[in-house]
Protein backbone atom coordinates (compact mmCIF):
# COMPACT_ATOMS: atom_id res chain seq x y z
CA MET A 1 17.93 -81.40 268.82
CA THR A 2 17.50 -80.90 272.43
CA LEU A 3 14.74 -78.99 273.95
CA LEU A 4 15.81 -76.60 276.67
CA LEU A 5 12.63 -76.20 279.42
CA THR A 6 13.08 -73.69 282.03
CA ARG A 7 10.84 -73.72 285.23
CA SER A 8 8.63 -71.45 283.33
CA ASP A 9 8.36 -73.48 280.32
CA ILE A 10 7.73 -76.34 282.66
CA LEU A 11 4.88 -74.90 284.16
CA ARG A 12 3.40 -73.74 281.00
CA SER A 13 3.41 -77.60 280.00
CA LEU A 14 2.41 -79.03 283.00
CA GLU A 15 -0.89 -80.92 283.02
CA ILE A 16 -1.56 -82.28 286.61
CA PRO A 17 -4.05 -84.96 285.88
CA ALA A 18 -1.68 -86.22 282.99
CA VAL A 19 1.29 -86.46 285.50
CA LEU A 20 -0.91 -88.32 287.92
CA ASP A 21 -1.77 -90.75 285.45
CA ALA A 22 1.73 -91.29 284.77
CA LEU A 23 2.83 -91.60 288.22
CA ARG A 24 0.02 -94.02 288.97
CA ALA A 25 1.23 -96.19 286.05
CA GLY A 26 4.63 -96.22 287.11
CA PHE A 27 4.00 -97.30 290.71
CA ARG A 28 1.69 -100.28 288.98
CA ALA A 29 4.41 -101.24 286.59
CA ALA A 30 7.45 -100.08 287.89
CA ALA A 31 10.55 -101.35 285.51
CA ASP A 32 12.50 -104.57 286.29
CA ILE A 33 15.64 -102.40 286.65
CA GLU A 34 17.17 -101.72 290.25
CA PRO A 35 17.02 -97.67 290.71
CA LEU A 36 20.14 -95.86 291.72
CA ARG A 37 19.87 -92.76 293.86
CA ILE A 38 23.57 -92.11 294.98
CA ARG A 39 24.14 -88.73 297.13
CA THR A 40 27.30 -87.61 298.62
CA ASP A 41 28.43 -84.53 300.79
CA LEU A 42 30.28 -81.80 299.33
CA PRO A 43 32.81 -79.58 300.94
CA GLY A 44 30.67 -77.13 302.87
CA PRO A 45 26.82 -77.26 303.39
CA GLY A 46 25.81 -79.03 300.23
CA THR A 47 25.22 -82.34 298.90
CA ALA A 48 25.01 -83.89 295.61
CA THR A 49 22.46 -86.53 294.47
CA ALA A 50 21.84 -88.52 291.11
CA LEU A 51 19.30 -90.63 290.24
CA LEU A 52 19.25 -93.10 287.37
CA PRO A 53 17.96 -94.68 285.31
CA GLY A 54 13.99 -93.13 285.38
CA LEU A 55 11.94 -96.05 283.47
CA ILE A 56 8.39 -96.66 282.90
CA PRO A 57 7.23 -99.27 280.71
CA GLY A 58 5.46 -98.05 278.08
CA ILE A 59 7.47 -94.49 277.86
CA PRO A 60 9.93 -94.60 275.05
CA ALA A 61 12.60 -92.69 276.89
CA TYR A 62 14.49 -92.50 280.47
CA THR A 63 15.70 -89.78 282.56
CA VAL A 64 18.72 -89.15 284.43
CA LYS A 65 19.17 -86.67 286.81
CA VAL A 66 21.58 -84.66 288.66
CA ASN A 67 20.87 -82.08 291.73
CA ALA A 68 22.91 -80.27 294.07
CA LYS A 69 21.09 -79.31 297.52
CA PHE A 70 22.37 -76.49 299.47
CA PRO A 71 19.37 -76.12 302.41
CA GLY A 72 20.33 -71.98 302.76
CA ALA A 73 19.88 -71.45 298.97
CA THR A 74 16.88 -70.24 297.07
CA PRO A 75 15.89 -72.56 295.55
CA ALA A 76 17.68 -75.29 297.91
CA LEU A 77 17.86 -77.87 294.86
CA ARG A 78 19.60 -77.29 291.59
CA GLY A 79 20.36 -79.20 288.66
CA VAL A 80 19.09 -80.61 285.63
CA ALA A 81 16.89 -83.59 284.64
CA CYS A 82 18.07 -85.18 281.16
CA LEU A 83 15.34 -86.60 279.10
CA HIS A 84 16.94 -89.56 276.68
CA ASP A 85 15.03 -91.45 273.62
CA LEU A 86 15.28 -95.13 274.88
CA THR A 87 16.01 -96.52 271.06
CA ASP A 88 19.31 -94.26 270.97
CA GLY A 89 20.23 -92.79 273.91
CA SER A 90 19.69 -89.19 272.30
CA LEU A 91 19.42 -86.07 274.40
CA LEU A 92 15.36 -84.84 273.76
CA ALA A 93 15.37 -82.33 276.56
CA LEU A 94 16.99 -80.75 279.45
CA LEU A 95 14.44 -79.55 282.38
CA ASP A 96 15.28 -77.64 285.52
CA SER A 97 15.20 -80.30 287.94
CA SER A 98 14.32 -78.02 290.94
CA THR A 99 10.84 -77.79 289.35
CA VAL A 100 10.79 -81.52 287.91
CA THR A 101 11.59 -82.73 291.63
CA ALA A 102 9.15 -80.56 293.66
CA TRP A 103 6.25 -81.48 291.26
CA ARG A 104 6.61 -85.20 291.18
CA THR A 105 7.47 -85.20 294.52
CA GLY A 106 4.00 -83.16 295.48
CA LEU A 107 2.00 -85.05 293.12
CA ALA A 108 3.20 -88.58 294.06
CA ALA A 109 2.68 -87.70 297.56
CA ALA A 110 -0.78 -86.27 296.24
CA LEU A 111 -1.58 -89.62 294.94
CA ALA A 112 -0.59 -91.81 297.82
CA THR A 113 -2.52 -89.48 300.29
CA ASP A 114 -5.56 -90.01 298.45
CA VAL A 115 -5.23 -93.42 298.01
CA LEU A 116 -4.62 -93.95 302.00
CA ALA A 117 -6.29 -90.97 303.54
CA PRO A 118 -9.94 -91.41 305.55
CA THR A 119 -13.25 -90.62 303.66
CA GLY A 120 -13.70 -86.86 304.22
CA THR A 121 -15.10 -86.10 307.54
CA ALA A 122 -14.81 -81.82 306.86
CA GLU A 123 -18.28 -80.23 306.51
CA GLY A 124 -19.59 -81.22 302.90
CA GLY A 125 -17.95 -84.64 302.93
CA GLY A 126 -14.23 -83.28 302.13
CA VAL A 127 -11.47 -83.71 304.12
CA ALA A 128 -9.71 -81.36 306.25
CA VAL A 129 -6.10 -81.08 305.42
CA GLY A 130 -3.50 -79.91 307.83
CA VAL A 131 0.44 -78.50 306.61
CA VAL A 132 3.24 -78.49 308.86
CA GLY A 133 5.82 -76.22 306.87
CA ALA A 134 4.19 -73.80 304.39
CA GLY A 135 6.31 -73.96 301.53
CA ALA A 136 5.92 -74.83 298.21
CA GLN A 137 6.49 -78.11 298.32
CA ALA A 138 3.22 -78.31 300.42
CA ALA A 139 1.33 -76.04 297.94
CA MET A 140 2.12 -78.61 295.32
CA VAL A 141 0.54 -81.58 297.39
CA LEU A 142 -2.58 -79.62 297.82
CA ALA A 143 -2.87 -78.76 293.83
CA GLY A 144 -2.76 -82.72 293.19
CA LEU A 145 -4.62 -83.84 296.22
CA ALA A 146 -7.55 -81.22 295.05
CA ALA A 147 -7.42 -82.68 291.82
CA LEU A 148 -8.45 -86.19 293.37
CA ARG A 149 -10.77 -85.18 296.33
CA ARG A 150 -12.59 -82.34 297.85
CA VAL A 151 -10.41 -80.20 300.44
CA ASP A 152 -12.86 -78.49 302.23
CA ARG A 153 -10.52 -77.25 305.19
CA LEU A 154 -6.98 -76.37 305.53
CA VAL A 155 -4.90 -75.58 308.95
CA VAL A 156 -1.44 -74.17 308.62
CA HIS A 157 1.58 -74.25 310.66
CA ASP A 158 5.16 -72.83 309.90
CA VAL A 159 7.99 -71.96 312.11
CA VAL A 160 7.68 -68.43 310.65
CA PRO A 161 3.70 -67.49 311.87
CA ALA A 162 3.73 -64.78 308.79
CA ARG A 163 4.45 -67.52 306.34
CA SER A 164 1.50 -69.76 307.55
CA ALA A 165 -1.39 -66.61 307.13
CA GLU A 166 0.40 -66.09 303.59
CA PHE A 167 0.38 -70.05 302.58
CA LEU A 168 -3.49 -70.10 303.93
CA ALA A 169 -4.65 -66.87 301.71
CA GLN A 170 -2.86 -68.31 298.75
CA GLN A 171 -4.41 -71.38 298.81
CA GLY A 172 -8.11 -70.13 298.72
CA ILE A 173 -9.42 -72.69 301.46
CA PRO A 174 -10.94 -71.82 304.36
CA GLY A 175 -9.09 -72.74 307.14
CA SER A 176 -6.90 -71.38 310.14
CA VAL A 177 -3.17 -71.19 311.54
CA ALA A 178 -2.05 -73.40 314.29
CA SER A 179 0.86 -72.45 316.99
CA ASP A 180 2.48 -76.06 316.45
CA ALA A 181 2.27 -79.34 314.64
CA ARG A 182 0.52 -80.85 317.39
CA GLU A 183 -2.67 -78.49 316.81
CA VAL A 184 -2.45 -79.21 313.16
CA ALA A 185 -2.77 -83.25 313.98
CA ALA A 186 -5.28 -82.75 316.64
CA THR A 187 -7.70 -80.82 313.91
CA ALA A 188 -6.80 -82.38 310.40
CA ASP A 189 -8.06 -85.38 308.61
CA VAL A 190 -4.68 -85.50 306.85
CA VAL A 191 -1.35 -83.78 307.84
CA ILE A 192 1.34 -83.23 305.07
CA LEU A 193 4.69 -82.52 306.50
CA ALA A 194 7.23 -80.72 304.62
CA THR A 195 9.91 -79.26 306.74
CA TRP A 196 14.05 -79.41 307.01
CA SER A 197 13.15 -80.98 310.80
CA ARG A 198 15.83 -82.98 312.20
CA GLU A 199 13.89 -83.91 315.41
CA PRO A 200 10.24 -85.43 315.79
CA LEU A 201 7.71 -82.97 315.34
CA LEU A 202 4.88 -85.61 316.14
CA THR A 203 5.04 -88.65 318.42
CA ALA A 204 2.35 -91.71 318.83
CA ALA A 205 0.47 -89.76 321.55
CA ASP A 206 -0.16 -87.02 318.83
CA ALA A 207 -1.64 -89.35 316.29
CA ARG A 208 -5.56 -89.77 317.05
CA PRO A 209 -7.38 -92.78 315.74
CA GLY A 210 -8.14 -92.27 311.59
CA LEU A 211 -5.00 -89.88 310.86
CA HIS A 212 -3.11 -90.02 307.77
CA LEU A 213 -0.01 -88.55 307.76
CA THR A 214 2.31 -87.72 304.82
CA THR A 215 6.13 -86.74 305.79
CA LEU A 216 7.81 -85.47 303.12
CA GLY A 217 10.89 -84.07 304.74
CA ALA A 218 12.64 -87.23 305.78
CA ASP A 219 14.38 -87.67 302.54
CA GLU A 220 18.07 -88.10 303.18
CA PRO A 221 20.08 -88.99 306.31
CA GLY A 222 19.27 -87.06 309.76
CA LYS A 223 16.15 -85.62 308.59
CA ILE A 224 13.44 -86.58 310.92
CA GLU A 225 9.61 -85.33 311.05
CA LEU A 226 7.72 -88.32 313.03
CA GLY A 227 9.01 -90.03 316.14
CA ALA A 228 9.69 -94.02 316.08
CA ASP A 229 6.90 -94.69 318.22
CA LEU A 230 4.46 -93.52 315.81
CA LEU A 231 6.31 -94.81 312.98
CA SER A 232 6.13 -98.44 315.03
CA ALA A 233 2.36 -97.96 315.72
CA ALA A 234 0.97 -96.57 312.23
CA ARG A 235 0.61 -98.66 309.05
CA VAL A 236 3.64 -97.20 306.90
CA ILE A 237 3.59 -97.45 303.45
CA VAL A 238 6.62 -96.12 301.54
CA ASP A 239 7.94 -95.99 297.96
CA ASP A 240 11.01 -98.30 298.67
CA ARG A 241 11.64 -100.20 301.56
CA ALA A 242 15.37 -100.22 301.35
CA LEU A 243 15.98 -96.61 300.64
CA ALA A 244 13.41 -95.71 303.36
CA VAL A 245 15.61 -97.40 305.69
CA ARG A 246 18.98 -96.35 304.44
CA MET A 247 18.17 -92.31 304.10
CA GLY A 248 14.38 -91.98 305.06
CA ALA A 249 12.08 -91.39 307.81
CA LEU A 250 12.45 -95.13 308.95
CA GLY A 251 16.18 -95.67 309.04
CA ASN A 252 16.42 -91.90 310.71
CA VAL A 253 14.96 -92.80 313.80
CA GLY A 254 16.26 -96.37 314.03
CA LEU A 255 13.60 -98.77 312.64
CA GLY A 256 14.14 -101.35 309.97
CA VAL A 257 12.70 -102.56 307.13
CA ASP A 258 9.89 -104.53 308.87
CA ALA A 259 8.34 -101.05 309.63
CA ALA A 260 7.25 -100.70 306.54
CA GLN A 261 4.04 -102.86 306.08
CA ALA A 262 4.07 -102.07 302.32
CA THR A 263 4.91 -99.78 299.23
CA LEU A 264 2.70 -97.91 297.24
CA SER A 265 2.95 -100.27 294.50
CA ASP A 266 1.72 -102.88 296.73
CA VAL A 267 -1.44 -101.01 297.42
CA LEU A 268 -2.34 -99.66 293.86
CA THR A 269 -1.94 -103.36 292.35
CA GLY A 270 -3.57 -105.11 294.72
CA VAL A 271 -0.97 -106.86 296.65
CA ALA A 272 -1.11 -105.31 300.09
CA PRO A 273 -3.92 -103.25 301.43
CA GLY A 274 -3.81 -99.45 302.11
CA ARG A 275 -5.91 -98.40 304.82
CA ARG A 276 -7.69 -101.24 306.41
CA THR A 277 -10.04 -99.54 308.88
CA PRO A 278 -11.51 -96.45 309.22
CA GLU A 279 -9.64 -95.89 312.91
CA GLU A 280 -6.03 -97.02 311.55
CA VAL A 281 -3.24 -94.66 311.42
CA THR A 282 -1.67 -94.52 308.35
CA VAL A 283 1.55 -93.17 307.04
CA TYR A 284 3.11 -92.63 303.57
CA ALA A 285 6.91 -91.93 303.83
CA PRO A 286 8.67 -91.67 300.45
CA VAL A 287 12.10 -90.77 299.71
CA GLY A 288 11.94 -90.72 295.98
CA LEU A 289 12.36 -92.86 292.75
CA PRO A 290 14.25 -92.28 289.56
CA TRP A 291 11.14 -92.97 287.66
CA GLN A 292 9.06 -90.73 289.04
CA ASP A 293 11.25 -87.90 287.50
CA LEU A 294 10.15 -89.56 284.02
CA ALA A 295 6.57 -89.39 285.00
CA ILE A 296 6.73 -85.50 284.94
CA ALA A 297 9.57 -85.00 281.97
CA TRP A 298 7.71 -87.37 279.65
CA PRO A 299 4.44 -85.65 279.60
CA VAL A 300 5.85 -82.16 279.99
CA TYR A 301 8.09 -82.78 276.81
CA ARG A 302 5.21 -84.20 274.93
CA ALA A 303 2.93 -81.19 275.64
CA ALA A 304 6.04 -78.33 275.47
CA GLY A 305 5.00 -77.49 271.98
CA ASP A 306 6.66 -74.01 271.50
CA HIS A 307 7.98 -73.73 274.75
CA GLY A 308 11.27 -74.01 275.24
CA ARG A 309 14.45 -73.49 272.87
CA SER A 310 16.07 -76.21 271.12
CA ILE A 311 19.89 -76.36 270.73
CA ASP A 312 22.21 -79.20 268.99
CA PHE A 313 24.95 -80.35 271.46
CA LEU A 314 26.97 -82.20 268.66
CA SER A 315 26.79 -79.21 266.64
């Protein structure tokens, strides 16, 4: 039997600490199999992407995810994540890929942000977090970050001012609305960018000493949030060097693999340091890897219980 898990089923079964643990384990011990992230343009405004196989040592399952992305749609991402038994390939579950992708991206970014961000300087010892792009993705990063460290203050900017105010009110964290990305960077310890931008929102001149930036929008060709000068001057950590150049934050501004100082796996396993000094500017620039889908699909499947419906595709 295959369990069908919709967005609401996934959210009822989602335990943030369990997913963070699975992500941390995955970054520390990624399977020795080359991940495939295949993307192609569709006729019209959309793109199709497949990520396979999602493997984490110690988890007896794997994922294959197929997405369609249409920027003008809501949600922009549609598709399914297939969870298979590793021993015989049986289809354990079909999960809504929009929810899987958003939460694994947000929680992986929260994990990296916590590892790389400076010690809190906001009142009370927590961090002041800035958000550029007041959407669901930024909210998920905040939810994960709040499970890892204190967030005492929030400053938000969105191209739609009303959305900034609404986002701030929903988070329940004291803060303010900023007029642009530069104002966010000037007042926050940590900046999370999650936009559809195709031109730099911040450059080296906007990155004061000690700042950490997590750029989530530059996850496919043509998308840019941070300028080449900022990325060249900062300590850049990625999830995959080749993908960061081929379709991510580095290659999209003309930088090569040498612009990435380390991967998050390097940092979490002690192969390379993360933040080296309090004054260093750090950047996390992920593209997203197949095994990260398993890090949410497996714990959600295990916790689903009575959530979802079952179907026998072989009947």
